[in-house]
Each structure stands twice: as C-alpha cells, then as structure tokens.
C-alpha atoms as a PDB file:
ATOM      1  CA  UNK A   1      95.741  97.486 106.295  1.00  0.00           C
ATOM      2  CA  UNK A   2      99.436  98.378 106.279  1.00  0.00           C
ATOM      3  CA  UNK A   3      99.900  95.829 103.480  1.00  0.00           C
ATOM      4  CA  UNK A   4      97.837  98.162 101.265  1.00  0.00           C
ATOM      5  CA  UNK A   5      99.410 101.366 102.573  1.00  0.00           C
ATOM      6  CA  UNK A   6      96.217 102.410 104.390  1.00  0.00           C
ATOM      7  CA  UNK A   7      95.907 104.149 107.732  1.00  0.00           C
ATOM      8  CA  UNK A   8      92.602 103.554 109.561  1.00  0.00           C
ATOM      9  CA  UNK A   9      90.246 106.523 109.502  1.00  0.00           C
ATOM     10  CA  UNK A  10      92.239 108.403 106.909  1.00  0.00           C
ATOM     11  CA  UNK A  11      90.764 107.594 103.501  1.00  0.00           C
ATOM     12  CA  UNK A  12      87.634 107.873 101.401  1.00  0.00           C
ATOM     13  CA  UNK A  13      86.653 104.473  99.965  1.00  0.00           C
ATOM     14  CA  UNK A  14      84.807 103.254  96.897  1.00  0.00           C
ATOM     15  CA  UNK A  15      84.429  99.521  96.248  1.00  0.00           C
ATOM     16  CA  UNK A  16      83.013  98.785  92.797  1.00  0.00           C
ATOM     17  CA  UNK A  17      83.823  97.073  89.534  1.00  0.00           C
ATOM     18  CA  UNK A  18      85.313  99.695  87.245  1.00  0.00           C
ATOM     19  CA  UNK A  19      82.633 100.081  84.587  1.00  0.00           C
ATOM     20  CA  UNK A  20      80.433 102.936  83.281  1.00  0.00           C
ATOM     21  CA  UNK A  21      77.386 102.362  85.518  1.00  0.00           C
ATOM     22  CA  UNK A  22      79.514 102.752  88.646  1.00  0.00           C
ATOM     23  CA  UNK A  23      80.179 106.406  87.755  1.00  0.00           C
ATOM     24  CA  UNK A  24      83.848 106.285  88.785  1.00  0.00           C
ATOM     25  CA  UNK A  25      84.903 108.976  86.296  1.00  0.00           C
ATOM     26  CA  UNK A  26      82.486 111.465  87.840  1.00  0.00           C
ATOM     27  CA  UNK A  27      83.608 110.413  91.327  1.00  0.00           C
ATOM     28  CA  UNK A  28      87.217 111.184  90.387  1.00  0.00           C
ATOM     29  CA  UNK A  29      86.183 114.584  88.989  1.00  0.00           C
ATOM     30  CA  UNK A  30      84.277 115.387  92.187  1.00  0.00           C
ATOM     31  CA  UNK A  31      87.098 114.222  94.405  1.00  0.00           C
ATOM     32  CA  UNK A  32      89.765 116.191  92.513  1.00  0.00           C
ATOM     33  CA  UNK A  33      87.581 119.324  92.947  1.00  0.00           C
ATOM     34  CA  UNK A  34      88.069 119.106  96.742  1.00  0.00           C
ATOM     35  CA  UNK A  35      90.662 121.455  98.206  1.00  0.00           C
ATOM     36  CA  UNK A  36      94.166 119.943  98.117  1.00  0.00           C
ATOM     37  CA  UNK A  37      94.612 119.777 101.934  1.00  0.00           C
ATOM     38  CA  UNK A  38      91.414 117.689 102.237  1.00  0.00           C
ATOM     39  CA  UNK A  39      92.517 115.358  99.410  1.00  0.00           C
ATOM     40  CA  UNK A  40      95.938 114.960 100.985  1.00  0.00           C
ATOM     41  CA  UNK A  41      94.480 114.205 104.408  1.00  0.00           C
ATOM     42  CA  UNK A  42      91.854 111.753 103.093  1.00  0.00           C
ATOM     43  CA  UNK A  43      92.965 110.164  99.797  1.00  0.00           C
ATOM     44  CA  UNK A  44      90.422 108.405  97.610  1.00  0.00           C
ATOM     45  CA  UNK A  45      90.929 104.634  97.605  1.00  0.00           C
ATOM     46  CA  UNK A  46      89.337 102.656  94.769  1.00  0.00           C
ATOM     47  CA  UNK A  47      88.909  98.905  95.098  1.00  0.00           C
ATOM     48  CA  UNK A  48      87.550  96.893  92.197  1.00  0.00           C
ATOM     49  CA  UNK A  49      88.370  94.825  89.181  1.00  0.00           C
ATOM     50  CA  UNK A  50      88.367  96.026  85.602  1.00  0.00           C
ATOM     51  CA  UNK A  51      84.892  95.800  84.133  1.00  0.00           C
ATOM     52  CA  UNK A  52      83.502  96.346  80.670  1.00  0.00           C
ATOM     53  CA  UNK A  53      84.198  99.518  78.672  1.00  0.00           C
ATOM     54  CA  UNK A  54      86.576 100.904  81.305  1.00  0.00           C
ATOM     55  CA  UNK A  55      89.729 101.846  79.382  1.00  0.00           C
ATOM     56  CA  UNK A  56      89.073 105.614  79.663  1.00  0.00           C
ATOM     57  CA  UNK A  57      88.386 105.402  83.397  1.00  0.00           C
ATOM     58  CA  UNK A  58      91.499 103.295  83.949  1.00  0.00           C
ATOM     59  CA  UNK A  59      93.581 105.878  82.078  1.00  0.00           C
ATOM     60  CA  UNK A  60      92.117 108.562  84.348  1.00  0.00           C
ATOM     61  CA  UNK A  61      92.808 106.449  87.443  1.00  0.00           C
ATOM     62  CA  UNK A  62      96.441 105.989  86.381  1.00  0.00           C
ATOM     63  CA  UNK A  63      96.807 109.719  85.731  1.00  0.00           C
ATOM     64  CA  UNK A  64      95.346 110.707  89.113  1.00  0.00           C
ATOM     65  CA  UNK A  65      97.488 108.094  90.860  1.00  0.00           C
ATOM     66  CA  UNK A  66     100.582 109.700  89.324  1.00  0.00           C
ATOM     67  CA  UNK A  67      99.409 113.056  90.703  1.00  0.00           C
ATOM     68  CA  UNK A  68      98.869 111.530  94.150  1.00  0.00           C
ATOM     69  CA  UNK A  69      95.097 112.109  94.133  1.00  0.00           C
ATOM     70  CA  UNK A  70      94.038 108.499  94.630  1.00  0.00           C
ATOM     71  CA  UNK A  71      95.129 104.956  95.310  1.00  0.00           C
ATOM     72  CA  UNK A  72      93.805 102.140  93.125  1.00  0.00           C
ATOM     73  CA  UNK A  73      94.023  98.694  94.722  1.00  0.00           C
ATOM     74  CA  UNK A  74      92.368  96.761  91.863  1.00  0.00           C
ATOM     75  CA  UNK A  75      91.107  93.369  93.056  1.00  0.00           C
ATOM     76  CA  UNK A  76      91.295  92.750  96.807  1.00  0.00           C
ATOM     77  CA  UNK A  77      90.603  89.299  98.297  1.00  0.00           C
ATOM     78  CA  UNK A  78      87.206  89.039  99.983  1.00  0.00           C
ATOM     79  CA  UNK A  79      88.944  88.213 103.272  1.00  0.00           C
ATOM     80  CA  UNK A  80      90.669  91.641 103.273  1.00  0.00           C
ATOM     81  CA  UNK A  81      87.587  93.734 102.496  1.00  0.00           C
ATOM     82  CA  UNK A  82      86.156  93.905 106.050  1.00  0.00           C
ATOM     83  CA  UNK A  83      89.333  95.572 107.331  1.00  0.00           C
ATOM     84  CA  UNK A  84      89.447  97.956 104.384  1.00  0.00           C
ATOM     85  CA  UNK A  85      85.805  98.929 104.943  1.00  0.00           C
ATOM     86  CA  UNK A  86      86.279  99.305 108.695  1.00  0.00           C
ATOM     87  CA  UNK A  87      89.280 101.593 108.194  1.00  0.00           C
ATOM     88  CA  UNK A  88      87.541 104.058 105.879  1.00  0.00           C
ATOM     89  CA  UNK A  89      86.490 107.507 107.020  1.00  0.00           C
ATOM     90  CA  UNK A  90      83.793 107.702 104.347  1.00  0.00           C
ATOM     91  CA  UNK A  91      82.322 105.298 101.820  1.00  0.00           C
ATOM     92  CA  UNK A  92      81.165 106.675  98.477  1.00  0.00           C
ATOM     93  CA  UNK A  93      79.035 104.763  95.957  1.00  0.00           C
ATOM     94  CA  UNK A  94      77.841 107.099  93.160  1.00  0.00           C
ATOM     95  CA  UNK A  95      76.355 104.465  90.826  1.00  0.00           C
ATOM     96  CA  UNK A  96      74.027 105.412  87.999  1.00  0.00           C
ATOM     97  CA  UNK A  97      72.024 102.211  88.611  1.00  0.00           C
ATOM     98  CA  UNK A  98      72.355  99.125  90.792  1.00  0.00           C
ATOM     99  CA  UNK A  99      70.808  95.723  91.273  1.00  0.00           C
ATOM    100  CA  UNK A 100      71.193  95.542  95.047  1.00  0.00           C
ATOM    101  CA  UNK A 101      74.235  97.524  96.183  1.00  0.00           C
ATOM    102  CA  UNK A 102      75.896  95.110  98.605  1.00  0.00           C
ATOM    103  CA  UNK A 103      78.863  97.464  99.203  1.00  0.00           C
ATOM    104  CA  UNK A 104      76.418  99.969 100.743  1.00  0.00           C
ATOM    105  CA  UNK A 105      75.346  97.346 103.281  1.00  0.00           C
ATOM    106  CA  UNK A 106      78.949  96.371 103.959  1.00  0.00           C
ATOM    107  CA  UNK A 107      79.877 100.000 104.638  1.00  0.00           C
ATOM    108  CA  UNK A 108      76.905 100.626 106.938  1.00  0.00           C
ATOM    109  CA  UNK A 109      77.499  97.337 108.778  1.00  0.00           C
ATOM    110  CA  UNK A 110      81.082  98.541 109.326  1.00  0.00           C
ATOM    111  CA  UNK A 111      79.880 101.792 110.889  1.00  0.00           C
ATOM    112  CA  UNK A 112      81.126 103.908 107.994  1.00  0.00           C
ATOM    113  CA  UNK A 113      79.169 107.012 106.880  1.00  0.00           C
ATOM    114  CA  UNK A 114      77.949 106.770 103.282  1.00  0.00           C
ATOM    115  CA  UNK A 115      77.571 109.088 100.295  1.00  0.00           C
ATOM    116  CA  UNK A 116      75.551 107.529  97.489  1.00  0.00           C
ATOM    117  CA  UNK A 117      73.301 108.235  94.526  1.00  0.00           C
ATOM    118  CA  UNK A 118      69.630 109.135  94.600  1.00  0.00           C
ATOM    119  CA  UNK A 119      68.605 106.006  92.754  1.00  0.00           C
ATOM    120  CA  UNK A 120      65.868 103.595  93.875  1.00  0.00           C
ATOM    121  CA  UNK A 121      68.149 100.806  95.121  1.00  0.00           C
ATOM    122  CA  UNK A 122      70.414 103.108  97.115  1.00  0.00           C
ATOM    123  CA  UNK A 123      67.473 105.068  98.525  1.00  0.00           C
ATOM    124  CA  UNK A 124      65.767 101.882  99.689  1.00  0.00           C
ATOM    125  CA  UNK A 125      68.910 100.414 101.234  1.00  0.00           C
ATOM    126  CA  UNK A 126      70.119 103.530 103.005  1.00  0.00           C
ATOM    127  CA  UNK A 127      66.639 104.845 103.885  1.00  0.00           C
ATOM    128  CA  UNK A 128      67.661 108.367 104.905  1.00  0.00           C
ATOM    129  CA  UNK A 129      70.942 107.276 106.510  1.00  0.00           C
ATOM    130  CA  UNK A 130      73.293 108.380 103.698  1.00  0.00           C
ATOM    131  CA  UNK A 131      74.009 111.670 102.009  1.00  0.00           C
ATOM    132  CA  UNK A 132      72.354 111.156  98.636  1.00  0.00           C
ATOM    133  CA  UNK A 133      73.142 113.085  95.480  1.00  0.00           C
ATOM    134  CA  UNK A 134      72.051 113.209  91.864  1.00  0.00           C
ATOM    135  CA  UNK A 135      74.640 110.866  90.290  1.00  0.00           C
ATOM    136  CA  UNK A 136      75.011 113.226  87.313  1.00  0.00           C
ATOM    137  CA  UNK A 137      75.768 116.297  89.480  1.00  0.00           C
ATOM    138  CA  UNK A 138      79.536 116.468  90.030  1.00  0.00           C
ATOM    139  CA  UNK A 139      79.297 119.614  92.176  1.00  0.00           C
ATOM    140  CA  UNK A 140      76.746 117.999  94.496  1.00  0.00           C
ATOM    141  CA  UNK A 141      79.016 114.981  94.824  1.00  0.00           C
ATOM    142  CA  UNK A 142      81.986 117.225  95.676  1.00  0.00           C
ATOM    143  CA  UNK A 143      79.937 118.993  98.365  1.00  0.00           C
ATOM    144  CA  UNK A 144      78.711 115.671  99.792  1.00  0.00           C
ATOM    145  CA  UNK A 145      82.279 114.328  99.909  1.00  0.00           C
ATOM    146  CA  UNK A 146      83.427 117.430 101.765  1.00  0.00           C
ATOM    147  CA  UNK A 147      80.590 117.193 104.281  1.00  0.00           C
ATOM    148  CA  UNK A 148      81.091 113.456 104.693  1.00  0.00           C
ATOM    149  CA  UNK A 149      84.769 113.943 105.460  1.00  0.00           C
ATOM    150  CA  UNK A 150      84.507 117.046 107.674  1.00  0.00           C
ATOM    151  CA  UNK A 151      81.101 117.233 109.425  1.00  0.00           C
ATOM    152  CA  UNK A 152      81.730 115.256 112.630  1.00  0.00           C
ATOM    153  CA  UNK A 153      78.152 115.631 113.903  1.00  0.00           C
ATOM    154  CA  UNK A 154      76.701 114.166 110.706  1.00  0.00           C
ATOM    155  CA  UNK A 155      79.396 111.474 110.551  1.00  0.00           C
ATOM    156  CA  UNK A 156      78.666 110.168 114.053  1.00  0.00           C
ATOM    157  CA  UNK A 157      74.919 110.173 113.442  1.00  0.00           C
ATOM    158  CA  UNK A 158      75.252 108.507 110.016  1.00  0.00           C
ATOM    159  CA  UNK A 159      77.558 105.815 111.391  1.00  0.00           C
ATOM    160  CA  UNK A 160      75.116 104.894 114.181  1.00  0.00           C
ATOM    161  CA  UNK A 161      72.045 104.995 111.926  1.00  0.00           C
ATOM    162  CA  UNK A 162      73.881 102.954 109.300  1.00  0.00           C
ATOM    163  CA  UNK A 163      74.674 100.240 111.844  1.00  0.00           C
ATOM    164  CA  UNK A 164      71.009 100.116 112.860  1.00  0.00           C
ATOM    165  CA  UNK A 165      69.865  99.988 109.236  1.00  0.00           C
ATOM    166  CA  UNK A 166      72.317  97.209 108.345  1.00  0.00           C
ATOM    167  CA  UNK A 167      70.983  95.028 111.168  1.00  0.00           C
ATOM    168  CA  UNK A 168      67.762  94.678 109.169  1.00  0.00           C
ATOM    169  CA  UNK A 169      69.632  93.019 106.301  1.00  0.00           C
ATOM    170  CA  UNK A 170      71.059  89.743 107.528  1.00  0.00           C
ATOM    171  CA  UNK A 171      71.318  86.498 105.576  1.00  0.00           C
ATOM    172  CA  UNK A 172      69.051  84.834 108.153  1.00  0.00           C
ATOM    173  CA  UNK A 173      66.332  87.413 107.522  1.00  0.00           C
ATOM    174  CA  UNK A 174      66.790  87.009 103.779  1.00  0.00           C
ATOM    175  CA  UNK A 175      66.326  83.237 104.037  1.00  0.00           C
ATOM    176  CA  UNK A 176      63.251  83.595 106.276  1.00  0.00           C
ATOM    177  CA  UNK A 177      61.632  86.141 103.953  1.00  0.00           C
ATOM    178  CA  UNK A 178      62.413  84.040 100.881  1.00  0.00           C
ATOM    179  CA  UNK A 179      60.900  80.927 102.511  1.00  0.00           C
ATOM    180  CA  UNK A 180      57.828  82.925 103.544  1.00  0.00           C
ATOM    181  CA  UNK A 181      57.439  84.168  99.972  1.00  0.00           C
ATOM    182  CA  UNK A 182      57.702  80.613  98.568  1.00  0.00           C
ATOM    183  CA  UNK A 183      55.178  79.376 101.130  1.00  0.00           C
ATOM    184  CA  UNK A 184      52.730  82.103 100.150  1.00  0.00           C
ATOM    185  CA  UNK A 185      53.109  81.259  96.477  1.00  0.00           C
END
C-alpha cells in the first residue's frame, strides 16, 4: 500500500479500464463536485489500463492529478489488487454497461461499501447492497459518493451485506452451476 502512496481507509477507489463505457469522465466530474475537505480527506484513486477512445479522459485525469483531486495508478499487478481493494473506504463503479462486473464482487468480498450504476448487471450482482445511481446523473453520483464516504451507519451495513452477497459468487459455485447446466442440456 505504501508503495502506491495509499493509506488504508482513506481513499475512494475505482478499478476499471479507462474507456467510455466505464463512465470515468462523469465520475471525475461528480468527485470534483464534492466539498474540498472531503476530497482532501478521501482522494479518488483510479486503477486501470488505457482502453479504447480514452484520450479525452486521460487528459482530464492528468489535469485533476495536477490539481491534487485524484491519483491515477494505471496498471497494477493482479497480486497487488487485493490490498488496494481492502484499503479503500469506498468503491465506485459507475459503468454505463457491463458484462459481469468482477470489480464489484472483489470490492464486496473485501468488505468495502459500493456505489454503482443502476444497470442490470450491477443490480443483479449487488442485489440491494450498494448505493445505485443513474449512470448519467452526475449530481446523484456526487450525493452517493458523499453518503458512501460519510454515512457510517450505511457503510457498516453495506460492508457486512456485501460480504454476505459475495459469498454466493465463488468459483466453486460457478463450476458446479456450469456443470449442472451442461448436464441438463
């Protein structure tokens, strides 16, 4: 954690490839709309490689980094991700659409409260555990970020419910369900 300049429990995390469907530009806008003391206490940490059509978002990331509003770690080895997840105060995943949303599961399995989009994949995975917002509504995202960082009652409840929810998504269960499906076919 220190290698990346991170202090456990003191940052808001997003892990995603930097590309349009991940909605990182809107996340930055929502985060920058938070009051400065909250941003300073809990900086936004972005982890993810450059994806397609991301030049504008990368320019925005660089600009906000210069202003001290976020930290961009780019690619992080898979072996370091569990510690980065576990150290986050809040995980945010405002995608416009997703296939599965593995980072949501990783965050919940780490006991980290989650803010995510009201899209089918995220709704199914988080099943009422996360704060969900319209991914096109920057103000709603700002309000969810603030609540996720400050509301201790919600945070404790979301962390516990997220751990319970994540237990239902293990690789063993996936294999068993896949085998059962093949057997039925």
